[in-house]
């Protein structure tokens, strides 16, 4: 049986070849889907992680530090790019997101999906 996939896992995901403006190649992602669906579904909802600091300036960006995350450098979760991927496209677990950062990811997700207002400056 395959390893459990848990909300907050940071895993590698193979997005394949670039097509337009979508994610491409192997890159780290955060699992944002709930654990019940993670256990039962053949598809998993994830959001990509980038190293571009400009993502952190966006209301849909969340900064992650290296260390327990398993990331090698400061990186940014980009909730402007949420994907549903096949379970078998997710590779090894490289780390996980702590509770505080998951709360920030939840808020950024709500902003991205229009479920929370963001004050425009």
N, C-alpha and C. Protein backbone atom coordinates (compact mmCIF):
# COMPACT_ATOMS: atom_id res chain seq x y z
N UNK A 1 0.85 -1.20 0.00
CA UNK A 1 0.00 0.00 0.00
C UNK A 1 0.88 1.25 0.00
N UNK A 2 0.44 2.30 -0.67
CA UNK A 2 1.23 3.51 -0.78
C UNK A 2 1.21 4.33 0.52
N UNK A 3 2.21 5.19 0.64
CA UNK A 3 2.33 6.06 1.81
C UNK A 3 1.13 7.00 1.90
N UNK A 4 0.66 7.26 3.13
CA UNK A 4 -0.46 8.18 3.33
C UNK A 4 -0.08 9.58 2.86
N UNK A 5 -1.03 10.24 2.26
CA UNK A 5 -0.87 11.65 1.87
C UNK A 5 -1.69 12.47 2.85
N UNK A 6 -1.03 13.44 3.50
CA UNK A 6 -1.63 14.21 4.59
C UNK A 6 -1.67 15.69 4.20
N UNK A 7 -2.77 16.35 4.57
CA UNK A 7 -2.85 17.80 4.39
C UNK A 7 -1.64 18.46 5.05
N UNK A 8 -0.97 19.35 4.32
CA UNK A 8 0.22 20.01 4.84
C UNK A 8 1.52 19.35 4.41
N UNK A 9 1.42 18.15 3.80
CA UNK A 9 2.63 17.52 3.25
C UNK A 9 3.24 18.41 2.19
N UNK A 10 4.55 18.45 2.14
CA UNK A 10 5.27 19.05 1.01
C UNK A 10 5.85 17.87 0.24
N UNK A 11 5.46 17.77 -1.02
CA UNK A 11 5.86 16.66 -1.87
C UNK A 11 6.33 17.18 -3.22
N UNK A 12 7.09 16.37 -3.89
CA UNK A 12 7.43 16.68 -5.27
C UNK A 12 6.29 16.23 -6.16
N UNK A 13 6.01 17.02 -7.18
CA UNK A 13 4.95 16.68 -8.13
C UNK A 13 5.50 16.85 -9.54
N UNK A 14 5.23 15.89 -10.39
CA UNK A 14 5.69 15.96 -11.77
C UNK A 14 4.57 16.52 -12.65
N UNK A 15 4.72 17.78 -13.06
CA UNK A 15 3.72 18.44 -13.89
C UNK A 15 3.98 18.23 -15.39
N UNK A 16 5.06 17.54 -15.73
CA UNK A 16 5.35 17.27 -17.13
C UNK A 16 5.92 18.49 -17.84
N UNK A 17 5.75 18.48 -19.15
CA UNK A 17 6.30 19.55 -19.99
C UNK A 17 5.47 20.83 -19.87
N UNK A 18 6.14 21.99 -20.03
CA UNK A 18 5.42 23.27 -19.95
C UNK A 18 4.37 23.41 -21.05
N UNK A 19 3.22 23.94 -20.67
CA UNK A 19 2.15 24.25 -21.63
C UNK A 19 1.53 25.58 -21.21
N UNK A 20 1.83 26.63 -21.95
CA UNK A 20 1.30 27.94 -21.61
C UNK A 20 1.85 28.44 -20.29
N UNK A 21 0.95 28.91 -19.43
CA UNK A 21 1.37 29.50 -18.16
C UNK A 21 1.16 28.57 -16.97
N UNK A 22 0.89 27.30 -17.22
CA UNK A 22 0.68 26.37 -16.10
C UNK A 22 2.01 25.86 -15.57
N UNK A 23 1.96 25.22 -14.41
CA UNK A 23 3.17 24.65 -13.81
C UNK A 23 3.76 23.58 -14.71
N UNK A 24 5.06 23.42 -14.63
CA UNK A 24 5.73 22.42 -15.45
C UNK A 24 6.88 21.80 -14.67
N UNK A 25 7.33 20.68 -15.13
CA UNK A 25 8.48 19.95 -14.57
C UNK A 25 8.17 19.46 -13.16
N UNK A 26 9.19 18.93 -12.50
CA UNK A 26 9.03 18.50 -11.10
C UNK A 26 9.25 19.70 -10.20
N UNK A 27 8.32 19.89 -9.29
CA UNK A 27 8.44 21.00 -8.35
C UNK A 27 7.73 20.64 -7.06
N UNK A 28 8.11 21.30 -5.96
CA UNK A 28 7.43 21.01 -4.69
C UNK A 28 6.04 21.63 -4.66
N UNK A 29 5.15 20.93 -3.97
CA UNK A 29 3.77 21.38 -3.78
C UNK A 29 3.38 21.15 -2.32
N UNK A 30 2.33 21.84 -1.89
CA UNK A 30 1.72 21.60 -0.59
C UNK A 30 0.35 20.96 -0.82
N UNK A 31 0.07 19.89 -0.11
CA UNK A 31 -1.25 19.27 -0.17
C UNK A 31 -2.20 20.13 0.64
N UNK A 32 -3.29 20.62 0.00
CA UNK A 32 -4.25 21.47 0.71
C UNK A 32 -5.62 20.80 0.84
N UNK A 33 -5.77 19.62 0.29
CA UNK A 33 -7.02 18.88 0.37
C UNK A 33 -7.18 18.26 1.76
N UNK A 34 -8.42 18.04 2.18
CA UNK A 34 -8.68 17.45 3.50
C UNK A 34 -8.26 15.98 3.55
N UNK A 35 -7.98 15.49 4.75
CA UNK A 35 -7.42 14.15 4.91
C UNK A 35 -8.39 13.02 4.57
N UNK A 36 -9.69 13.24 4.72
CA UNK A 36 -10.65 12.20 4.34
C UNK A 36 -10.57 11.98 2.83
N UNK A 37 -10.59 13.06 2.08
CA UNK A 37 -10.46 12.94 0.62
C UNK A 37 -9.09 12.40 0.23
N UNK A 38 -8.07 12.80 0.96
CA UNK A 38 -6.72 12.31 0.67
C UNK A 38 -6.64 10.79 0.78
N UNK A 39 -7.38 10.22 1.72
CA UNK A 39 -7.37 8.76 1.90
C UNK A 39 -8.17 8.04 0.82
N UNK A 40 -9.25 8.66 0.34
CA UNK A 40 -10.20 7.95 -0.52
C UNK A 40 -10.11 8.29 -2.01
N UNK A 41 -9.59 9.45 -2.33
CA UNK A 41 -9.64 9.93 -3.72
C UNK A 41 -8.39 9.54 -4.51
N UNK A 42 -8.56 9.40 -5.80
CA UNK A 42 -7.42 9.17 -6.70
C UNK A 42 -6.81 10.49 -7.17
N UNK A 43 -7.48 11.61 -6.82
CA UNK A 43 -6.93 12.93 -7.14
C UNK A 43 -6.72 13.71 -5.84
N UNK A 44 -5.73 14.59 -5.87
CA UNK A 44 -5.33 15.35 -4.68
C UNK A 44 -5.22 16.83 -5.07
N UNK A 45 -5.72 17.72 -4.22
CA UNK A 45 -5.63 19.16 -4.48
C UNK A 45 -4.35 19.69 -3.83
N UNK A 46 -3.55 20.37 -4.65
CA UNK A 46 -2.26 20.90 -4.20
C UNK A 46 -2.09 22.33 -4.68
N UNK A 47 -1.11 23.00 -4.13
CA UNK A 47 -0.71 24.32 -4.61
C UNK A 47 0.82 24.34 -4.70
N UNK A 48 1.32 25.06 -5.68
CA UNK A 48 2.76 24.99 -5.95
C UNK A 48 3.57 25.89 -5.01
N UNK A 49 4.84 25.53 -4.91
CA UNK A 49 5.81 26.30 -4.13
C UNK A 49 6.83 26.86 -5.11
N UNK A 50 7.11 28.15 -4.97
CA UNK A 50 8.08 28.83 -5.83
C UNK A 50 9.19 29.43 -4.97
N UNK A 51 10.30 29.76 -5.60
CA UNK A 51 11.38 30.44 -4.87
C UNK A 51 11.42 31.93 -5.18
N UNK A 52 10.57 32.40 -6.05
CA UNK A 52 10.53 33.81 -6.43
C UNK A 52 9.95 34.65 -5.29
N UNK A 53 10.75 35.55 -4.68
CA UNK A 53 10.24 36.34 -3.55
C UNK A 53 9.08 37.25 -3.91
N UNK A 54 8.87 37.55 -5.17
CA UNK A 54 7.73 38.39 -5.56
C UNK A 54 6.40 37.72 -5.22
N UNK A 55 6.38 36.38 -5.19
CA UNK A 55 5.16 35.66 -4.80
C UNK A 55 4.80 36.01 -3.36
N UNK A 56 5.79 36.18 -2.50
CA UNK A 56 5.55 36.51 -1.11
C UNK A 56 4.95 37.89 -0.90
N UNK A 57 5.06 38.75 -1.90
CA UNK A 57 4.48 40.09 -1.82
C UNK A 57 3.00 40.10 -2.18
N UNK A 58 2.52 39.00 -2.74
CA UNK A 58 1.11 38.90 -3.15
C UNK A 58 0.24 38.45 -1.98
N UNK A 59 -1.04 38.84 -1.97
CA UNK A 59 -1.93 38.37 -0.90
C UNK A 59 -2.19 36.87 -0.95
N UNK A 60 -1.82 36.23 -2.06
CA UNK A 60 -2.00 34.78 -2.21
C UNK A 60 -0.70 34.02 -2.02
N UNK A 61 0.34 34.70 -1.51
CA UNK A 61 1.64 34.07 -1.29
C UNK A 61 1.92 33.91 0.20
N UNK A 62 2.52 32.77 0.56
CA UNK A 62 2.88 32.49 1.95
C UNK A 62 4.34 32.04 1.99
N UNK A 63 5.12 32.74 2.80
CA UNK A 63 6.55 32.45 2.91
C UNK A 63 6.78 31.20 3.77
N UNK A 64 7.67 30.32 3.29
CA UNK A 64 8.10 29.15 4.05
C UNK A 64 9.61 29.18 4.18
N UNK A 65 10.09 28.88 5.37
CA UNK A 65 11.53 28.85 5.61
C UNK A 65 12.05 27.42 5.47
N UNK A 66 13.32 27.28 5.10
CA UNK A 66 13.90 25.93 5.06
C UNK A 66 13.96 25.34 6.47
N UNK A 67 14.23 24.08 6.55
CA UNK A 67 14.29 23.41 7.85
C UNK A 67 13.31 22.27 7.88
N UNK A 68 12.35 22.34 8.80
CA UNK A 68 11.37 21.25 8.91
C UNK A 68 10.51 21.10 7.66
N UNK A 69 10.44 22.16 6.87
CA UNK A 69 9.67 22.06 5.63
C UNK A 69 10.34 21.12 4.64
N UNK A 70 11.63 20.88 4.82
CA UNK A 70 12.37 20.04 3.87
C UNK A 70 12.85 20.81 2.66
N UNK A 71 12.51 22.10 2.61
CA UNK A 71 12.94 22.94 1.49
C UNK A 71 14.38 23.39 1.71
N UNK A 72 15.12 23.57 0.62
CA UNK A 72 16.52 23.94 0.72
C UNK A 72 16.74 25.44 0.84
N UNK A 73 15.72 26.22 0.49
CA UNK A 73 15.84 27.68 0.56
C UNK A 73 14.49 28.29 0.89
N UNK A 74 14.49 29.55 1.27
CA UNK A 74 13.25 30.26 1.53
C UNK A 74 12.40 30.18 0.26
N UNK A 75 11.14 29.80 0.46
CA UNK A 75 10.24 29.58 -0.68
C UNK A 75 8.87 30.17 -0.36
N UNK A 76 7.99 30.15 -1.36
CA UNK A 76 6.69 30.80 -1.23
C UNK A 76 5.60 29.92 -1.82
N UNK A 77 4.59 29.63 -1.00
CA UNK A 77 3.43 28.89 -1.47
C UNK A 77 2.61 29.86 -2.31
N UNK A 78 2.23 29.45 -3.50
CA UNK A 78 1.52 30.31 -4.45
C UNK A 78 0.07 29.83 -4.59
N UNK A 79 -0.82 30.42 -3.79
CA UNK A 79 -2.22 30.02 -3.83
C UNK A 79 -2.96 30.58 -5.04
N UNK A 80 -2.25 31.28 -5.89
CA UNK A 80 -2.81 31.69 -7.18
C UNK A 80 -2.75 30.55 -8.18
N UNK A 81 -2.08 29.45 -7.80
CA UNK A 81 -1.95 28.29 -8.68
C UNK A 81 -2.30 27.04 -7.88
N UNK A 82 -3.58 26.69 -7.91
CA UNK A 82 -4.11 25.51 -7.23
C UNK A 82 -4.43 24.47 -8.30
N UNK A 83 -4.01 23.23 -8.05
CA UNK A 83 -4.18 22.17 -9.04
C UNK A 83 -4.79 20.93 -8.41
N UNK A 84 -5.54 20.18 -9.21
CA UNK A 84 -5.95 18.83 -8.87
C UNK A 84 -5.07 17.90 -9.68
N UNK A 85 -4.33 17.03 -8.99
CA UNK A 85 -3.40 16.12 -9.66
C UNK A 85 -3.76 14.68 -9.33
N UNK A 86 -3.35 13.78 -10.19
CA UNK A 86 -3.52 12.35 -9.91
C UNK A 86 -2.60 11.96 -8.76
N UNK A 87 -3.08 11.11 -7.92
CA UNK A 87 -2.30 10.64 -6.77
C UNK A 87 -0.92 10.16 -7.19
N UNK A 88 -0.83 9.46 -8.32
CA UNK A 88 0.45 8.90 -8.74
C UNK A 88 1.42 9.95 -9.31
N UNK A 89 0.97 11.19 -9.48
CA UNK A 89 1.87 12.27 -9.90
C UNK A 89 2.64 12.87 -8.71
N UNK A 90 2.19 12.54 -7.49
CA UNK A 90 2.87 13.03 -6.30
C UNK A 90 4.01 12.09 -5.95
N UNK A 91 5.17 12.68 -5.76
CA UNK A 91 6.35 11.90 -5.41
C UNK A 91 6.56 11.85 -3.92
N UNK A 92 7.82 11.76 -3.56
CA UNK A 92 8.18 11.57 -2.16
C UNK A 92 7.83 12.80 -1.32
N UNK A 93 7.57 12.54 -0.06
CA UNK A 93 7.36 13.62 0.90
C UNK A 93 8.72 14.17 1.28
N UNK A 94 8.87 15.51 1.14
CA UNK A 94 10.15 16.12 1.50
C UNK A 94 10.07 16.89 2.82
N UNK A 95 8.85 17.09 3.32
CA UNK A 95 8.68 17.81 4.57
C UNK A 95 7.21 18.09 4.81
N UNK A 96 6.95 19.03 5.70
CA UNK A 96 5.57 19.41 5.97
C UNK A 96 5.51 20.86 6.44
N UNK A 97 4.31 21.40 6.36
CA UNK A 97 4.05 22.79 6.75
C UNK A 97 3.57 22.79 8.19
N UNK A 98 4.08 23.71 9.00
CA UNK A 98 3.64 23.77 10.40
C UNK A 98 2.24 24.38 10.50
N UNK A 99 1.68 24.28 11.67
CA UNK A 99 0.29 24.70 11.91
C UNK A 99 0.06 26.19 11.61
N UNK A 100 0.98 27.04 12.03
CA UNK A 100 0.83 28.48 11.81
C UNK A 100 0.85 28.80 10.32
N UNK A 101 1.80 28.20 9.60
CA UNK A 101 1.86 28.44 8.16
C UNK A 101 0.64 27.87 7.43
N UNK A 102 0.08 26.75 7.93
CA UNK A 102 -1.15 26.22 7.30
C UNK A 102 -2.31 27.19 7.48
N UNK A 103 -2.36 27.88 8.63
CA UNK A 103 -3.40 28.89 8.82
C UNK A 103 -3.23 30.03 7.81
N UNK A 104 -1.98 30.44 7.57
CA UNK A 104 -1.71 31.48 6.57
C UNK A 104 -2.09 30.99 5.18
N UNK A 105 -1.82 29.72 4.89
CA UNK A 105 -2.20 29.14 3.60
C UNK A 105 -3.71 29.13 3.45
N UNK A 106 -4.44 28.80 4.51
CA UNK A 106 -5.91 28.82 4.45
C UNK A 106 -6.43 30.21 4.11
N UNK A 107 -5.87 31.23 4.73
CA UNK A 107 -6.30 32.61 4.46
C UNK A 107 -5.98 33.00 3.03
N UNK A 108 -4.77 32.69 2.58
CA UNK A 108 -4.38 33.01 1.20
C UNK A 108 -5.26 32.28 0.19
N UNK A 109 -5.65 31.04 0.50
CA UNK A 109 -6.55 30.27 -0.37
C UNK A 109 -7.91 30.96 -0.46
N UNK A 110 -8.42 31.41 0.68
CA UNK A 110 -9.71 32.09 0.69
C UNK A 110 -9.66 33.38 -0.13
N UNK A 111 -8.56 34.11 -0.03
CA UNK A 111 -8.40 35.33 -0.84
C UNK A 111 -8.37 34.97 -2.31
N UNK A 112 -7.60 33.94 -2.65
CA UNK A 112 -7.47 33.52 -4.04
C UNK A 112 -8.81 33.11 -4.64
N UNK A 113 -9.64 32.44 -3.86
CA UNK A 113 -10.93 31.95 -4.36
C UNK A 113 -12.07 32.95 -4.18
N UNK A 114 -11.77 34.15 -3.68
CA UNK A 114 -12.78 35.18 -3.50
C UNK A 114 -13.69 34.93 -2.32
N UNK A 115 -13.26 34.10 -1.37
CA UNK A 115 -14.06 33.81 -0.18
C UNK A 115 -13.74 34.73 0.97
N UNK A 116 -12.71 35.57 0.79
CA UNK A 116 -12.30 36.53 1.82
C UNK A 116 -11.89 37.80 1.10
N UNK A 117 -12.30 38.92 1.65
CA UNK A 117 -11.92 40.21 1.07
C UNK A 117 -10.47 40.53 1.41
N UNK A 118 -9.81 41.18 0.50
CA UNK A 118 -8.46 41.64 0.75
C UNK A 118 -8.44 43.15 0.54
N UNK A 119 -8.03 43.92 1.54
CA UNK A 119 -8.03 45.38 1.36
C UNK A 119 -7.04 45.81 0.29
N UNK A 120 -7.53 46.54 -0.67
CA UNK A 120 -6.68 47.06 -1.75
C UNK A 120 -6.05 48.36 -1.29
N UNK A 121 -4.74 48.48 -1.49
CA UNK A 121 -4.04 49.68 -1.06
C UNK A 121 -3.93 50.68 -2.18
